[in-house]
N, C-alpha and C. Protein backbone atom coordinates (compact mmCIF):
# COMPACT_ATOMS: atom_id res chain seq x y z
N MET A 1 -2.61 15.85 2.94
CA MET A 1 -2.09 14.99 1.69
C MET A 1 -2.66 13.65 1.75
N GLY A 2 -3.12 13.25 0.47
CA GLY A 2 -3.59 11.95 0.44
C GLY A 2 -2.46 11.19 -0.06
N ARG A 3 -2.71 9.82 -0.41
CA ARG A 3 -1.55 9.30 -0.95
C ARG A 3 -1.74 9.30 -2.51
N ILE A 4 -0.53 9.22 -3.29
CA ILE A 4 -0.32 9.46 -4.64
C ILE A 4 -0.58 7.99 -5.12
N SER A 5 -1.26 7.93 -5.99
CA SER A 5 -1.46 6.51 -6.63
C SER A 5 -0.49 6.44 -7.78
N THR A 6 -0.06 5.31 -8.19
CA THR A 6 0.99 4.99 -9.19
C THR A 6 0.50 4.88 -10.39
N LYS A 7 1.06 4.58 -11.59
CA LYS A 7 0.56 5.04 -12.82
C LYS A 7 -0.20 3.47 -13.16
N LEU A 8 0.45 2.32 -12.51
CA LEU A 8 -0.17 1.05 -12.56
C LEU A 8 -1.60 1.26 -12.17
N ILE A 9 -1.68 1.70 -10.87
CA ILE A 9 -3.01 1.65 -10.27
C ILE A 9 -4.00 2.53 -11.14
N LYS A 10 -3.69 3.49 -11.66
CA LYS A 10 -4.53 4.51 -12.42
C LYS A 10 -4.83 3.94 -13.60
N LYS A 11 -3.89 3.25 -14.21
CA LYS A 11 -3.88 2.73 -15.54
C LYS A 11 -4.94 1.47 -15.51
N LYS A 12 -4.83 0.50 -14.59
CA LYS A 12 -5.75 -0.59 -14.29
C LYS A 12 -7.10 -0.21 -14.00
N SER A 13 -7.43 0.72 -13.06
CA SER A 13 -8.62 1.25 -12.79
C SER A 13 -9.24 1.70 -14.09
N ARG A 14 -8.63 2.37 -14.84
CA ARG A 14 -9.45 2.84 -16.06
C ARG A 14 -9.60 1.82 -17.17
N GLU A 15 -8.81 0.71 -17.32
CA GLU A 15 -9.27 -0.57 -17.97
C GLU A 15 -10.15 -1.39 -17.37
N PHE A 16 -10.29 -1.29 -16.23
CA PHE A 16 -11.73 -1.99 -15.60
C PHE A 16 -12.68 -1.35 -15.80
N ILE A 17 -12.68 0.03 -15.66
CA ILE A 17 -13.93 0.56 -15.87
C ILE A 17 -14.38 0.48 -17.36
N LYS A 18 -13.37 0.61 -18.30
CA LYS A 18 -13.39 0.51 -19.56
C LYS A 18 -14.41 -0.69 -20.11
N TYR A 19 -13.58 -1.61 -19.65
CA TYR A 19 -13.95 -3.22 -19.86
C TYR A 19 -15.55 -3.66 -19.17
N LYS A 20 -15.86 -3.31 -18.03
CA LYS A 20 -16.89 -3.46 -17.56
C LYS A 20 -17.43 -2.54 -16.48
N GLU A 21 -17.89 -1.21 -17.15
CA GLU A 21 -18.44 -0.15 -16.22
C GLU A 21 -19.57 -0.67 -15.26
N ASP A 22 -20.59 -1.40 -15.50
CA ASP A 22 -21.45 -1.59 -14.98
C ASP A 22 -21.52 -2.66 -13.78
N ALA A 23 -20.10 -3.17 -13.68
CA ALA A 23 -19.69 -4.02 -12.35
C ALA A 23 -19.50 -3.00 -11.39
N PHE A 24 -19.16 -2.00 -11.64
CA PHE A 24 -18.78 -0.99 -10.56
C PHE A 24 -19.67 0.40 -10.03
N CYS A 25 -19.59 0.63 -9.01
CA CYS A 25 -20.32 2.05 -8.56
C CYS A 25 -19.59 3.03 -7.49
N LYS A 26 -20.28 3.64 -6.63
CA LYS A 26 -19.75 4.60 -5.87
C LYS A 26 -19.51 3.96 -4.55
N ASP A 27 -19.63 2.35 -4.33
CA ASP A 27 -19.22 1.91 -3.04
C ASP A 27 -18.04 1.41 -3.07
N PHE A 28 -17.02 1.54 -2.13
CA PHE A 28 -15.71 0.82 -2.02
C PHE A 28 -15.96 -0.58 -1.98
N GLU A 29 -16.96 -1.13 -0.97
CA GLU A 29 -16.81 -2.42 -0.63
C GLU A 29 -17.35 -3.40 -1.79
N LYS A 30 -18.48 -2.65 -2.40
CA LYS A 30 -18.74 -3.29 -3.41
C LYS A 30 -18.05 -3.59 -4.67
N ASN A 31 -17.08 -2.62 -4.93
CA ASN A 31 -15.89 -2.31 -6.07
C ASN A 31 -15.09 -3.29 -5.57
N LYS A 32 -14.78 -3.56 -4.38
CA LYS A 32 -13.82 -4.54 -3.98
C LYS A 32 -14.10 -5.99 -4.21
N GLN A 33 -15.35 -6.31 -4.05
CA GLN A 33 -15.95 -7.75 -4.22
C GLN A 33 -15.81 -7.87 -5.78
N SER A 34 -16.53 -6.94 -6.40
CA SER A 34 -16.71 -7.01 -8.08
C SER A 34 -15.01 -7.26 -8.59
N LEU A 35 -13.82 -6.81 -8.14
CA LEU A 35 -12.75 -7.01 -8.45
C LEU A 35 -12.20 -8.28 -8.07
N LYS A 36 -12.49 -8.62 -6.96
CA LYS A 36 -12.14 -10.08 -6.33
C LYS A 36 -12.99 -11.18 -7.15
N GLU A 37 -14.00 -11.08 -7.52
CA GLU A 37 -14.68 -11.99 -8.36
C GLU A 37 -14.19 -11.93 -10.09
N MET A 38 -13.95 -10.83 -10.27
CA MET A 38 -13.15 -10.84 -12.08
C MET A 38 -12.14 -11.35 -12.01
N THR A 39 -11.07 -10.97 -11.12
CA THR A 39 -9.77 -11.22 -11.31
C THR A 39 -9.05 -12.01 -10.24
N SER A 40 -7.86 -12.32 -10.32
CA SER A 40 -7.14 -13.21 -8.93
C SER A 40 -5.67 -12.18 -8.76
N PHE A 41 -5.99 -10.98 -8.22
CA PHE A 41 -4.66 -10.50 -7.95
C PHE A 41 -3.96 -11.08 -6.71
N GLY A 42 -2.64 -11.37 -6.82
CA GLY A 42 -1.84 -11.71 -5.79
C GLY A 42 -1.84 -10.91 -4.52
N SER A 43 -1.78 -9.57 -4.56
CA SER A 43 -1.98 -9.03 -3.60
C SER A 43 -3.19 -8.31 -3.16
N LYS A 44 -3.56 -8.24 -1.74
CA LYS A 44 -4.89 -7.73 -1.36
C LYS A 44 -4.84 -5.97 -1.19
N LYS A 45 -3.45 -5.64 -1.01
CA LYS A 45 -3.11 -4.32 -1.22
C LYS A 45 -3.41 -3.71 -2.34
N ILE A 46 -2.76 -4.35 -3.49
CA ILE A 46 -3.11 -3.78 -4.81
C ILE A 46 -4.54 -3.90 -5.15
N ARG A 47 -5.23 -4.84 -4.90
CA ARG A 47 -6.70 -4.82 -5.26
C ARG A 47 -7.53 -3.84 -4.71
N ASN A 48 -7.19 -3.56 -3.17
CA ASN A 48 -7.82 -2.39 -2.51
C ASN A 48 -7.66 -1.15 -3.08
N ARG A 49 -6.28 -0.93 -3.58
CA ARG A 49 -5.91 0.49 -4.19
C ARG A 49 -6.66 0.69 -5.37
N ILE A 50 -6.72 -0.50 -6.11
CA ILE A 50 -7.26 -0.21 -7.77
C ILE A 50 -8.84 0.12 -7.24
N ALA A 51 -9.54 -0.77 -6.34
CA ALA A 51 -10.87 -0.61 -5.98
C ALA A 51 -11.29 0.95 -5.26
N GLY A 52 -10.11 1.46 -4.46
CA GLY A 52 -10.40 2.62 -4.30
C GLY A 52 -10.30 4.05 -5.38
N GLN A 53 -9.33 3.75 -6.61
CA GLN A 53 -9.30 4.29 -7.40
C GLN A 53 -10.46 4.26 -8.39
N ILE A 54 -11.04 3.13 -8.41
CA ILE A 54 -12.35 2.97 -9.23
C ILE A 54 -13.57 3.90 -8.54
N THR A 55 -13.59 3.64 -7.28
CA THR A 55 -14.49 4.24 -6.69
C THR A 55 -14.36 5.85 -6.74
N LYS A 56 -13.07 6.42 -6.59
CA LYS A 56 -12.85 7.55 -6.66
C LYS A 56 -13.41 8.38 -8.15
N ARG A 57 -13.00 7.38 -9.41
CA ARG A 57 -13.38 7.64 -10.53
C ARG A 57 -15.00 7.74 -10.91
N MET A 58 -15.73 6.84 -9.87
CA MET A 58 -17.29 6.64 -10.36
C MET A 58 -17.76 8.07 -9.65
N LYS A 59 -16.89 8.47 -8.77
CA LYS A 59 -17.86 9.49 -7.89
C LYS A 59 -17.78 10.81 -8.67
N LYS A 60 -16.50 10.94 -9.47
CA LYS A 60 -16.64 11.98 -10.19
C LYS A 60 -17.19 12.58 -11.17
N PRO A 61 -17.94 13.69 -11.49
CA PRO A 61 -18.79 13.72 -12.26
C PRO A 61 -18.23 13.90 -13.65
N GLU A 62 -18.67 13.38 -15.09
CA GLU A 62 -18.29 13.43 -16.17
C GLU A 62 -17.74 14.74 -16.82
N ARG A 63 -16.56 15.01 -17.21
CA ARG A 63 -16.32 16.15 -17.66
C ARG A 63 -16.92 16.61 -19.35
C-alpha cells in the first residue's frame, strides 16, 4: 500500500500543472526544483509531496 495524498496535495498539483505545464516533466528531481523556484513553501515535506503528485500525473497517459 502506498501513501494516500490529501485533497490539498492533489488540488495544488492540478493547479500547478494547469498554471505552468511546460515547467514540469516525468522527473521528480526536476519537478522539485521547478516548484522551489516558482513558490516559497514553508515546508519541504509538502513541496516534495506536491512534486511527487505532479510526477505521478505527468507519467499517467491522457484519458
